[in-house]
Amino acid sequence: MSDVENKKEKIMDAALKIFQEKGAEKTSVRDIMTEAGYGLGTFYLYYTDKNDLEEKMVLNIGTEIILNAEKMCKETDPIERYISFVNYIIDYLISHPFELDLLSKNITWTLYTKIENDYGLSEADSTLKYILNKYDNLFLTNHTESQKLYILSLTLEIMMSTCKSAVLEESILSIDEMKPVLFAIIRKIFDRIGENK
């Protein structure tokens, strides 16, 4: 890892720690840089402002979760493989509530934003296109790429909403009770797409 990458990672880690303690809105750039052990000027070498840092943080977290989820999928059936992918993400987010909160506020942006190739998704220019590349065989009909991306984004937004509902104190169902319902909906979505050839 280069010195530049090392500094950026240290700043990002410091921001994540302070955001968890104080909340992003109450955190100053000075707080972040004090935690990271660098002067204020170093921050502006890599980020335009705190929002820029937060956007990159969200993209880093989202991309890392997606890459790890994909590595864990072993199923050969396309729908069951996608459900395994979604299940990994749910389990991760439920056990990391801060990241769930951060990503749930930015899910659409995280999925559609253009990414640079330093995020590990060299074959795609967005996280959603990366997912489509891995799960294109879910679609047995002649949907356009835009339609496929939209359908995938819907399933991921439903997943995110399910996670958010599960962590609410007044939730009537636990995540383990919600998962079978969510997975049945995902199966139905992709089964119907397959039927309409």
C-alpha atoms as a PDB file:
ATOM      1  CA  MET A   1       0.000   0.000   0.000  1.00  0.00           C
ATOM      2  CA  SER A   2       1.407   3.408  -0.976  1.00  0.00           C
ATOM      3  CA  ASP A   3       1.837   6.274   1.487  1.00  0.00           C
ATOM      4  CA  VAL A   4      -1.112   8.098  -0.117  1.00  0.00           C
ATOM      5  CA  GLU A   5      -3.391   5.058   0.186  1.00  0.00           C
ATOM      6  CA  ASN A   6      -2.196   4.510   3.745  1.00  0.00           C
ATOM      7  CA  LYS A   7      -3.057   8.094   4.748  1.00  0.00           C
ATOM      8  CA  LYS A   8      -6.456   7.956   3.039  1.00  0.00           C
ATOM      9  CA  GLU A   9      -7.275   4.707   4.828  1.00  0.00           C
ATOM     10  CA  LYS A  10      -6.146   6.106   8.181  1.00  0.00           C
ATOM     11  CA  ILE A  11      -8.322   9.209   7.677  1.00  0.00           C
ATOM     12  CA  MET A  12     -11.279   7.032   6.637  1.00  0.00           C
ATOM     13  CA  ASP A  13     -10.846   4.759   9.678  1.00  0.00           C
ATOM     14  CA  ALA A  14     -10.624   7.782  11.983  1.00  0.00           C
ATOM     15  CA  ALA A  15     -13.778   9.271  10.456  1.00  0.00           C
ATOM     16  CA  LEU A  16     -15.656   5.998  10.840  1.00  0.00           C
ATOM     17  CA  LYS A  17     -14.674   5.796  14.512  1.00  0.00           C
ATOM     18  CA  ILE A  18     -15.668   9.413  15.253  1.00  0.00           C
ATOM     19  CA  PHE A  19     -18.903   9.155  13.221  1.00  0.00           C
ATOM     20  CA  GLN A  20     -19.896   6.142  15.323  1.00  0.00           C
ATOM     21  CA  GLU A  21     -19.141   7.993  18.559  1.00  0.00           C
ATOM     22  CA  LYS A  22     -20.559  11.446  17.774  1.00  0.00           C
ATOM     23  CA  GLY A  23     -22.595  11.084  14.588  1.00  0.00           C
ATOM     24  CA  ALA A  24     -21.483  12.438  11.221  1.00  0.00           C
ATOM     25  CA  GLU A  25     -23.341  15.730  11.588  1.00  0.00           C
ATOM     26  CA  LYS A  26     -21.631  16.544  14.919  1.00  0.00           C
ATOM     27  CA  THR A  27     -18.164  15.563  13.707  1.00  0.00           C
ATOM     28  CA  SER A  28     -15.793  18.213  12.396  1.00  0.00           C
ATOM     29  CA  VAL A  29     -12.906  17.739   9.987  1.00  0.00           C
ATOM     30  CA  ARG A  30     -10.644  18.763  12.881  1.00  0.00           C
ATOM     31  CA  ASP A  31     -12.070  15.887  15.009  1.00  0.00           C
ATOM     32  CA  ILE A  32     -11.305  13.427  12.219  1.00  0.00           C
ATOM     33  CA  MET A  33      -7.779  14.671  11.627  1.00  0.00           C
ATOM     34  CA  THR A  34      -6.958  14.760  15.346  1.00  0.00           C
ATOM     35  CA  GLU A  35      -8.029  11.107  15.569  1.00  0.00           C
ATOM     36  CA  ALA A  36      -6.023  10.256  12.416  1.00  0.00           C
ATOM     37  CA  GLY A  37      -2.933  12.071  13.698  1.00  0.00           C
ATOM     38  CA  TYR A  38      -2.550  14.424  10.700  1.00  0.00           C
ATOM     39  CA  GLY A  39      -2.900  18.165  10.207  1.00  0.00           C
ATOM     40  CA  LEU A  40      -5.979  19.745   8.620  1.00  0.00           C
ATOM     41  CA  GLY A  41      -4.159  20.412   5.352  1.00  0.00           C
ATOM     42  CA  THR A  42      -3.654  16.683   4.783  1.00  0.00           C
ATOM     43  CA  PHE A  43      -7.429  16.167   4.760  1.00  0.00           C
ATOM     44  CA  TYR A  44      -7.883  18.529   1.816  1.00  0.00           C
ATOM     45  CA  LEU A  45      -5.262  16.711  -0.239  1.00  0.00           C
ATOM     46  CA  TYR A  46      -7.673  13.764  -0.486  1.00  0.00           C
ATOM     47  CA  TYR A  47     -11.202  15.094   0.166  1.00  0.00           C
ATOM     48  CA  THR A  48     -12.972  18.303  -0.786  1.00  0.00           C
ATOM     49  CA  ASP A  49     -15.059  18.366   2.414  1.00  0.00           C
ATOM     50  CA  LYS A  50     -16.639  16.130   5.045  1.00  0.00           C
ATOM     51  CA  ASN A  51     -19.485  15.169   2.674  1.00  0.00           C
ATOM     52  CA  ASP A  52     -16.967  13.983   0.081  1.00  0.00           C
ATOM     53  CA  LEU A  53     -15.315  11.811   2.744  1.00  0.00           C
ATOM     54  CA  GLU A  54     -18.686  10.439   3.872  1.00  0.00           C
ATOM     55  CA  GLU A  55     -19.672   9.582   0.278  1.00  0.00           C
ATOM     56  CA  LYS A  56     -16.393   7.732  -0.264  1.00  0.00           C
ATOM     57  CA  MET A  57     -16.842   5.961   3.068  1.00  0.00           C
ATOM     58  CA  VAL A  58     -20.339   4.791   2.094  1.00  0.00           C
ATOM     59  CA  LEU A  59     -19.053   3.592  -1.272  1.00  0.00           C
ATOM     60  CA  ASN A  60     -16.115   1.764   0.378  1.00  0.00           C
ATOM     61  CA  ILE A  61     -18.361   0.033   2.902  1.00  0.00           C
ATOM     62  CA  GLY A  62     -21.004  -0.895   0.321  1.00  0.00           C
ATOM     63  CA  THR A  63     -18.453  -2.198  -2.162  1.00  0.00           C
ATOM     64  CA  GLU A  64     -16.611  -4.241   0.454  1.00  0.00           C
ATOM     65  CA  ILE A  65     -19.839  -5.856   1.664  1.00  0.00           C
ATOM     66  CA  ILE A  66     -20.878  -6.693  -1.911  1.00  0.00           C
ATOM     67  CA  LEU A  67     -17.485  -8.186  -2.794  1.00  0.00           C
ATOM     68  CA  ASN A  68     -17.448 -10.290   0.381  1.00  0.00           C
ATOM     69  CA  ALA A  69     -21.046 -11.422  -0.157  1.00  0.00           C
ATOM     70  CA  GLU A  70     -20.257 -12.538  -3.697  1.00  0.00           C
ATOM     71  CA  LYS A  71     -17.212 -14.513  -2.528  1.00  0.00           C
ATOM     72  CA  MET A  72     -19.384 -16.424  -0.041  1.00  0.00           C
ATOM     73  CA  CYS A  73     -21.955 -17.600  -2.612  1.00  0.00           C
ATOM     74  CA  LYS A  74     -21.532 -21.256  -3.551  1.00  0.00           C
ATOM     75  CA  GLU A  75     -24.977 -22.181  -4.936  1.00  0.00           C
ATOM     76  CA  THR A  76     -25.306 -23.069  -8.619  1.00  0.00           C
ATOM     77  CA  ASP A  77     -29.001 -22.205  -9.054  1.00  0.00           C
ATOM     78  CA  PRO A  78     -29.080 -18.489 -10.025  1.00  0.00           C
ATOM     79  CA  ILE A  79     -31.990 -17.550  -7.754  1.00  0.00           C
ATOM     80  CA  GLU A  80     -30.642 -19.454  -4.748  1.00  0.00           C
ATOM     81  CA  ARG A  81     -27.202 -17.941  -5.363  1.00  0.00           C
ATOM     82  CA  TYR A  82     -28.719 -14.439  -5.357  1.00  0.00           C
ATOM     83  CA  ILE A  83     -30.667 -15.220  -2.170  1.00  0.00           C
ATOM     84  CA  SER A  84     -27.420 -16.401  -0.558  1.00  0.00           C
ATOM     85  CA  PHE A  85     -25.831 -13.105  -1.653  1.00  0.00           C
ATOM     86  CA  VAL A  86     -28.697 -11.098  -0.111  1.00  0.00           C
ATOM     87  CA  ASN A  87     -28.645 -13.239   3.044  1.00  0.00           C
ATOM     88  CA  TYR A  88     -24.939 -12.516   3.608  1.00  0.00           C
ATOM     89  CA  ILE A  89     -25.577  -8.777   3.268  1.00  0.00           C
ATOM     90  CA  ILE A  90     -28.516  -8.936   5.706  1.00  0.00           C
ATOM     91  CA  ASP A  91     -26.504 -10.836   8.313  1.00  0.00           C
ATOM     92  CA  TYR A  92     -23.626  -8.386   7.981  1.00  0.00           C
ATOM     93  CA  LEU A  93     -25.814  -5.278   8.251  1.00  0.00           C
ATOM     94  CA  ILE A  94     -27.843  -6.574  11.193  1.00  0.00           C
ATOM     95  CA  SER A  95     -24.611  -7.198  13.101  1.00  0.00           C
ATOM     96  CA  HIS A  96     -23.214  -3.756  12.099  1.00  0.00           C
ATOM     97  CA  PRO A  97     -26.026  -1.260  12.860  1.00  0.00           C
ATOM     98  CA  PHE A  98     -23.925   1.845  12.205  1.00  0.00           C
ATOM     99  CA  GLU A  99     -23.102   0.655   8.689  1.00  0.00           C
ATOM    100  CA  LEU A 100     -26.758  -0.334   8.164  1.00  0.00           C
ATOM    101  CA  ASP A 101     -27.806   3.193   9.077  1.00  0.00           C
ATOM    102  CA  LEU A 102     -25.135   4.776   6.881  1.00  0.00           C
ATOM    103  CA  LEU A 103     -25.941   2.611   3.843  1.00  0.00           C
ATOM    104  CA  SER A 104     -29.722   2.724   4.235  1.00  0.00           C
ATOM    105  CA  LYS A 105     -29.646   6.511   3.916  1.00  0.00           C
ATOM    106  CA  ASN A 106     -27.582   6.229   0.737  1.00  0.00           C
ATOM    107  CA  ILE A 107     -28.563   2.903  -0.867  1.00  0.00           C
ATOM    108  CA  THR A 108     -29.718   4.233  -4.243  1.00  0.00           C
ATOM    109  CA  TRP A 109     -26.708   6.527  -4.572  1.00  0.00           C
ATOM    110  CA  THR A 110     -24.366   3.697  -3.515  1.00  0.00           C
ATOM    111  CA  LEU A 111     -25.779   1.338  -6.146  1.00  0.00           C
ATOM    112  CA  TYR A 112     -25.838   3.733  -9.091  1.00  0.00           C
ATOM    113  CA  THR A 113     -22.883   6.060  -8.601  1.00  0.00           C
ATOM    114  CA  LYS A 114     -19.963   5.762 -10.975  1.00  0.00           C
ATOM    115  CA  ILE A 115     -16.952   4.226  -9.283  1.00  0.00           C
ATOM    116  CA  GLU A 116     -13.257   4.368  -9.921  1.00  0.00           C
ATOM    117  CA  ASN A 117     -11.494   1.065 -10.494  1.00  0.00           C
ATOM    118  CA  ASP A 118      -9.660   1.259  -7.164  1.00  0.00           C
ATOM    119  CA  TYR A 119     -12.777  -0.176  -5.495  1.00  0.00           C
ATOM    120  CA  GLY A 120     -12.108  -3.710  -6.760  1.00  0.00           C
ATOM    121  CA  LEU A 121     -14.923  -3.810  -9.307  1.00  0.00           C
ATOM    122  CA  SER A 122     -12.781  -3.573 -12.415  1.00  0.00           C
ATOM    123  CA  GLU A 123     -15.379  -5.153 -14.687  1.00  0.00           C
ATOM    124  CA  ALA A 124     -18.097  -2.602 -13.861  1.00  0.00           C
ATOM    125  CA  ASP A 125     -18.475   1.128 -13.396  1.00  0.00           C
ATOM    126  CA  SER A 126     -21.034   0.925 -10.553  1.00  0.00           C
ATOM    127  CA  THR A 127     -21.780  -1.502  -7.747  1.00  0.00           C
ATOM    128  CA  LEU A 128     -25.146  -2.308  -9.315  1.00  0.00           C
ATOM    129  CA  LYS A 129     -23.549  -3.170 -12.672  1.00  0.00           C
ATOM    130  CA  TYR A 130     -21.082  -5.393 -10.834  1.00  0.00           C
ATOM    131  CA  ILE A 131     -24.030  -7.243  -9.270  1.00  0.00           C
ATOM    132  CA  LEU A 132     -25.725  -7.514 -12.677  1.00  0.00           C
ATOM    133  CA  ASN A 133     -22.528  -8.956 -14.191  1.00  0.00           C
ATOM    134  CA  LYS A 134     -22.532 -11.643 -11.493  1.00  0.00           C
ATOM    135  CA  TYR A 135     -26.282 -12.359 -11.613  1.00  0.00           C
ATOM    136  CA  ASP A 136     -27.288 -11.677 -15.212  1.00  0.00           C
ATOM    137  CA  ASN A 137     -28.448 -15.302 -15.496  1.00  0.00           C
ATOM    138  CA  LEU A 138     -31.382 -14.440 -13.197  1.00  0.00           C
ATOM    139  CA  PHE A 139     -32.980 -12.823 -16.221  1.00  0.00           C
ATOM    140  CA  LEU A 140     -34.277 -15.322 -18.745  1.00  0.00           C
ATOM    141  CA  THR A 141     -36.243 -12.750 -20.740  1.00  0.00           C
ATOM    142  CA  ASN A 142     -35.241  -9.955 -23.054  1.00  0.00           C
ATOM    143  CA  HIS A 143     -35.055  -7.116 -20.554  1.00  0.00           C
ATOM    144  CA  THR A 144     -32.872  -4.148 -21.328  1.00  0.00           C
ATOM    145  CA  GLU A 145     -29.844  -3.577 -19.119  1.00  0.00           C
ATOM    146  CA  SER A 146     -31.640  -0.614 -17.522  1.00  0.00           C
ATOM    147  CA  GLN A 147     -34.645  -2.798 -16.665  1.00  0.00           C
ATOM    148  CA  LYS A 148     -32.391  -5.467 -15.152  1.00  0.00           C
ATOM    149  CA  LEU A 149     -30.577  -2.861 -13.061  1.00  0.00           C
ATOM    150  CA  TYR A 150     -33.909  -1.475 -11.890  1.00  0.00           C
ATOM    151  CA  ILE A 151     -35.199  -4.927 -10.863  1.00  0.00           C
ATOM    152  CA  LEU A 152     -31.987  -5.680  -8.949  1.00  0.00           C
ATOM    153  CA  SER A 153     -32.104  -2.287  -7.231  1.00  0.00           C
ATOM    154  CA  LEU A 154     -35.712  -2.961  -6.164  1.00  0.00           C
ATOM    155  CA  THR A 155     -34.751  -6.248  -4.526  1.00  0.00           C
ATOM    156  CA  LEU A 156     -31.829  -4.588  -2.737  1.00  0.00           C
ATOM    157  CA  GLU A 157     -33.988  -1.694  -1.542  1.00  0.00           C
ATOM    158  CA  ILE A 158     -36.556  -4.192  -0.206  1.00  0.00           C
ATOM    159  CA  MET A 159     -33.684  -5.987   1.550  1.00  0.00           C
ATOM    160  CA  MET A 160     -32.461  -2.723   3.090  1.00  0.00           C
ATOM    161  CA  SER A 161     -35.976  -1.840   4.238  1.00  0.00           C
ATOM    162  CA  THR A 162     -36.285  -5.305   5.804  1.00  0.00           C
ATOM    163  CA  CYS A 163     -33.033  -4.772   7.732  1.00  0.00           C
ATOM    164  CA  LYS A 164     -34.140  -1.352   8.962  1.00  0.00           C
ATOM    165  CA  SER A 165     -37.510  -2.757  10.073  1.00  0.00           C
ATOM    166  CA  ALA A 166     -35.869  -5.635  11.924  1.00  0.00           C
ATOM    167  CA  VAL A 167     -33.704  -3.394  14.107  1.00  0.00           C
ATOM    168  CA  LEU A 168     -36.579  -1.185  15.240  1.00  0.00           C
ATOM    169  CA  GLU A 169     -37.556  -1.758  18.863  1.00  0.00           C
ATOM    170  CA  GLU A 170     -41.236  -1.906  17.924  1.00  0.00           C
ATOM    171  CA  SER A 171     -40.656  -4.425  15.111  1.00  0.00           C
ATOM    172  CA  ILE A 172     -43.326  -7.130  15.121  1.00  0.00           C
ATOM    173  CA  LEU A 173     -40.999  -9.687  13.493  1.00  0.00           C
ATOM    174  CA  SER A 174     -37.359 -10.568  14.003  1.00  0.00           C
ATOM    175  CA  ILE A 175     -34.980 -10.687  11.048  1.00  0.00           C
ATOM    176  CA  ASP A 176     -35.128 -14.499  11.156  1.00  0.00           C
ATOM    177  CA  GLU A 177     -38.915 -14.299  10.778  1.00  0.00           C
ATOM    178  CA  MET A 178     -38.630 -11.716   7.989  1.00  0.00           C
ATOM    179  CA  LYS A 179     -36.038 -13.541   5.879  1.00  0.00           C
ATOM    180  CA  PRO A 180     -38.316 -16.363   4.619  1.00  0.00           C
ATOM    181  CA  VAL A 181     -40.887 -13.779   3.495  1.00  0.00           C
ATOM    182  CA  LEU A 182     -38.242 -11.649   1.785  1.00  0.00           C
ATOM    183  CA  PHE A 183     -36.670 -14.653   0.068  1.00  0.00           C
ATOM    184  CA  ALA A 184     -40.104 -15.848  -1.117  1.00  0.00           C
ATOM    185  CA  ILE A 185     -40.681 -12.406  -2.664  1.00  0.00           C
ATOM    186  CA  ILE A 186     -37.288 -12.502  -4.399  1.00  0.00           C
ATOM    187  CA  ARG A 187     -37.995 -16.019  -5.722  1.00  0.00           C
ATOM    188  CA  LYS A 188     -41.376 -14.888  -7.002  1.00  0.00           C
ATOM    189  CA  ILE A 189     -39.879 -11.842  -8.739  1.00  0.00           C
ATOM    190  CA  PHE A 190     -37.275 -13.880 -10.599  1.00  0.00           C
ATOM    191  CA  ASP A 191     -39.540 -16.898 -11.236  1.00  0.00           C
ATOM    192  CA  ARG A 192     -42.079 -14.598 -12.905  1.00  0.00           C
ATOM    193  CA  ILE A 193     -39.375 -12.946 -14.973  1.00  0.00           C
ATOM    194  CA  GLY A 194     -38.297 -16.393 -16.131  1.00  0.00           C
ATOM    195  CA  GLU A 195     -41.860 -17.425 -17.015  1.00  0.00           C
ATOM    196  CA  ASN A 196     -42.478 -14.456 -19.319  1.00  0.00           C
ATOM    197  CA  LYS A 197     -40.005 -15.509 -21.982  1.00  0.00           C
END
